[in-house]
C-alpha atoms as a PDB file:
ATOM      1  CA  MET A   1       0.000   0.000   0.000  1.00  0.00           C
ATOM      2  CA  THR A   2       2.892   2.365   0.651  1.00  0.00           C
ATOM      3  CA  ASP A   3       4.111   2.066  -2.948  1.00  0.00           C
ATOM      4  CA  THR A   4       0.638   2.889  -4.287  1.00  0.00           C
ATOM      5  CA  ALA A   5       0.340   5.849  -1.926  1.00  0.00           C
ATOM      6  CA  THR A   6       3.750   7.155  -2.952  1.00  0.00           C
ATOM      7  CA  MET A   7       2.908   6.787  -6.646  1.00  0.00           C
ATOM      8  CA  ALA A   8      -0.302   8.765  -6.081  1.00  0.00           C
ATOM      9  CA  GLY A   9       1.701  11.528  -4.388  1.00  0.00           C
ATOM     10  CA  LEU A  10       0.353  10.758  -0.913  1.00  0.00           C
ATOM     11  CA  ASP A  11       2.284   9.763   2.144  1.00  0.00           C
ATOM     12  CA  PRO A  12       0.860   6.746   4.019  1.00  0.00           C
ATOM     13  CA  ALA A  13      -0.512   8.892   6.867  1.00  0.00           C
ATOM     14  CA  THR A  14      -2.464  11.084   4.426  1.00  0.00           C
ATOM     15  CA  LEU A  15      -3.820   8.046   2.598  1.00  0.00           C
ATOM     16  CA  ALA A  16      -4.935   6.500   5.897  1.00  0.00           C
ATOM     17  CA  ASP A  17      -6.697   9.756   6.824  1.00  0.00           C
ATOM     18  CA  VAL A  18      -8.468   9.916   3.438  1.00  0.00           C
ATOM     19  CA  LEU A  19      -9.670   6.320   3.830  1.00  0.00           C
ATOM     20  CA  ARG A  20     -10.869   7.028   7.392  1.00  0.00           C
ATOM     21  CA  LEU A  21     -12.785  10.082   6.175  1.00  0.00           C
ATOM     22  CA  ALA A  22     -14.347   8.214   3.234  1.00  0.00           C
ATOM     23  CA  GLY A  23     -15.553   5.499   5.592  1.00  0.00           C
ATOM     24  CA  SER A  24     -17.071   7.860   8.156  1.00  0.00           C
ATOM     25  CA  PRO A  25     -20.875   8.041   8.604  1.00  0.00           C
ATOM     26  CA  GLY A  26     -21.156  11.716   7.584  1.00  0.00           C
ATOM     27  CA  PHE A  27     -19.084  11.378   4.404  1.00  0.00           C
ATOM     28  CA  ASP A  28     -21.963  12.353   2.085  1.00  0.00           C
ATOM     29  CA  ARG A  29     -22.328  15.688   3.888  1.00  0.00           C
ATOM     30  CA  ILE A  30     -18.547  16.240   3.917  1.00  0.00           C
ATOM     31  CA  GLN A  31     -18.453  15.541   0.183  1.00  0.00           C
ATOM     32  CA  ASP A  32     -21.306  18.017  -0.357  1.00  0.00           C
ATOM     33  CA  GLN A  33     -19.418  20.724   1.562  1.00  0.00           C
ATOM     34  CA  ILE A  34     -16.249  20.066  -0.448  1.00  0.00           C
ATOM     35  CA  LYS A  35     -18.171  20.350  -3.729  1.00  0.00           C
ATOM     36  CA  ARG A  36     -19.847  23.568  -2.578  1.00  0.00           C
ATOM     37  CA  THR A  37     -16.522  25.217  -1.748  1.00  0.00           C
ATOM     38  CA  GLY A  38     -15.450  24.633  -5.357  1.00  0.00           C
ATOM     39  CA  GLY A  39     -11.920  23.473  -4.627  1.00  0.00           C
ATOM     40  CA  CYS A  40     -11.121  26.280  -2.185  1.00  0.00           C
ATOM     41  CA  THR A  41      -7.719  25.613  -0.621  1.00  0.00           C
ATOM     42  CA  ASP A  42      -8.536  27.264   2.712  1.00  0.00           C
ATOM     43  CA  PRO A  43     -12.289  27.153   3.390  1.00  0.00           C
ATOM     44  CA  ILE A  44     -13.741  29.182   6.237  1.00  0.00           C
ATOM     45  CA  ARG A  45     -15.082  26.987   9.036  1.00  0.00           C
ATOM     46  CA  LEU A  46     -18.229  28.476  10.529  1.00  0.00           C
ATOM     47  CA  THR A  47     -19.678  27.345  13.854  1.00  0.00           C
ATOM     48  CA  GLY A  48     -22.819  28.336  15.697  1.00  0.00           C
ATOM     49  CA  SER A  49     -26.555  28.423  15.254  1.00  0.00           C
ATOM     50  CA  THR A  50     -29.355  30.647  14.021  1.00  0.00           C
ATOM     51  CA  VAL A  51     -33.089  30.842  14.626  1.00  0.00           C
ATOM     52  CA  THR A  52     -35.557  32.700  12.391  1.00  0.00           C
ATOM     53  CA  ARG A  53     -38.762  33.759  14.141  1.00  0.00           C
ATOM     54  CA  ASP A  54     -41.946  35.397  12.935  1.00  0.00           C
ATOM     55  CA  ALA A  55     -41.847  38.997  14.186  1.00  0.00           C
ATOM     56  CA  ALA A  56     -45.546  39.087  15.045  1.00  0.00           C
ATOM     57  CA  THR A  57     -46.080  35.693  16.667  1.00  0.00           C
ATOM     58  CA  GLY A  58     -42.600  34.689  17.771  1.00  0.00           C
ATOM     59  CA  GLN A  59     -43.105  31.294  16.143  1.00  0.00           C
ATOM     60  CA  VAL A  60     -39.879  29.578  15.058  1.00  0.00           C
ATOM     61  CA  LEU A  61     -39.853  29.500  11.258  1.00  0.00           C
ATOM     62  CA  HIS A  62     -36.431  27.920  10.793  1.00  0.00           C
ATOM     63  CA  SER A  63     -33.492  26.881  12.928  1.00  0.00           C
ATOM     64  CA  TYR A  64     -30.016  25.649  12.037  1.00  0.00           C
ATOM     65  CA  SER A  65     -26.997  24.582  14.022  1.00  0.00           C
ATOM     66  CA  THR A  66     -23.561  23.442  12.924  1.00  0.00           C
ATOM     67  CA  ASP A  67     -23.720  20.790  15.652  1.00  0.00           C
ATOM     68  CA  THR A  68     -25.285  18.453  13.083  1.00  0.00           C
ATOM     69  CA  GLU A  69     -22.523  19.053  10.496  1.00  0.00           C
ATOM     70  CA  PRO A  70     -19.477  16.775  10.203  1.00  0.00           C
ATOM     71  CA  GLY A  71     -16.855  18.000  12.649  1.00  0.00           C
ATOM     72  CA  GLY A  72     -19.342  20.557  13.986  1.00  0.00           C
ATOM     73  CA  VAL A  73     -18.428  23.101  11.277  1.00  0.00           C
ATOM     74  CA  LEU A  74     -19.911  24.407   8.032  1.00  0.00           C
ATOM     75  CA  ARG A  75     -17.255  24.957   5.374  1.00  0.00           C
ATOM     76  CA  VAL A  76     -17.655  27.851   2.898  1.00  0.00           C
ATOM     77  CA  ALA A  77     -15.241  29.128   0.238  1.00  0.00           C
ATOM     78  CA  CYS A  78     -12.758  31.768   1.399  1.00  0.00           C
ATOM     79  CA  GLY A  79     -13.478  34.060  -1.568  1.00  0.00           C
ATOM     80  CA  ASN A  80      -9.886  35.334  -1.713  1.00  0.00           C
ATOM     81  CA  ARG A  81      -9.050  37.148  -4.974  1.00  0.00           C
ATOM     82  CA  ARG A  82      -5.306  36.403  -4.914  1.00  0.00           C
ATOM     83  CA  ALA A  83      -4.293  33.338  -6.916  1.00  0.00           C
ATOM     84  CA  SER A  84      -1.262  32.883  -4.656  1.00  0.00           C
ATOM     85  CA  ARG A  85      -3.609  32.284  -1.704  1.00  0.00           C
ATOM     86  CA  CYS A  86      -6.479  30.339  -3.321  1.00  0.00           C
ATOM     87  CA  PRO A  87      -6.404  29.601  -7.060  1.00  0.00           C
ATOM     88  CA  ALA A  88      -9.991  28.272  -7.129  1.00  0.00           C
ATOM     89  CA  CYS A  89     -11.560  31.355  -5.514  1.00  0.00           C
ATOM     90  CA  ALA A  90      -9.354  33.704  -7.573  1.00  0.00           C
ATOM     91  CA  TRP A  91     -10.548  31.978 -10.759  1.00  0.00           C
ATOM     92  CA  THR A  92     -14.185  32.407  -9.705  1.00  0.00           C
ATOM     93  CA  TYR A  93     -13.584  36.090  -8.911  1.00  0.00           C
ATOM     94  CA  ALA A  94     -11.837  36.649 -12.262  1.00  0.00           C
ATOM     95  CA  GLY A  95     -14.822  35.145 -14.106  1.00  0.00           C
ATOM     96  CA  ASP A  96     -17.271  37.310 -12.163  1.00  0.00           C
ATOM     97  CA  THR A  97     -15.221  40.431 -12.871  1.00  0.00           C
ATOM     98  CA  TYR A  98     -15.084  39.638 -16.587  1.00  0.00           C
ATOM     99  CA  HIS A  99     -18.869  39.360 -16.789  1.00  0.00           C
ATOM    100  CA  LEU A 100     -19.416  42.574 -14.789  1.00  0.00           C
ATOM    101  CA  ILE A 101     -17.082  44.555 -17.046  1.00  0.00           C
ATOM    102  CA  ARG A 102     -18.574  42.996 -20.179  1.00  0.00           C
ATOM    103  CA  ALA A 103     -22.117  43.806 -19.028  1.00  0.00           C
ATOM    104  CA  GLY A 104     -21.088  47.416 -18.408  1.00  0.00           C
ATOM    105  CA  LEU A 105     -19.535  47.755 -21.846  1.00  0.00           C
ATOM    106  CA  VAL A 106     -22.388  46.059 -23.714  1.00  0.00           C
ATOM    107  CA  GLY A 107     -25.017  48.017 -21.856  1.00  0.00           C
END
């Protein structure tokens, strides 16, 4: 297994960690968070909870807590514009900027 891990560019400890993560019960949610961050190299890890209430009645309309997320955190993309810090987020920002400038020029 070490030879395969080395050929794949992973050290044995990293490969063991990847296999442990893939076999964990919350892997589907972890995979969803990774997809949503779009390859961000340093996602922001949010913790906490929120409750939305109706202003008139006080009835709870929606509640959310990161306690139910894998590792107790919600991962979101960092949104950094510098490619040296996060190439994936910089690429997204560059695409957004292109379309904003193009829309302004086209009218």
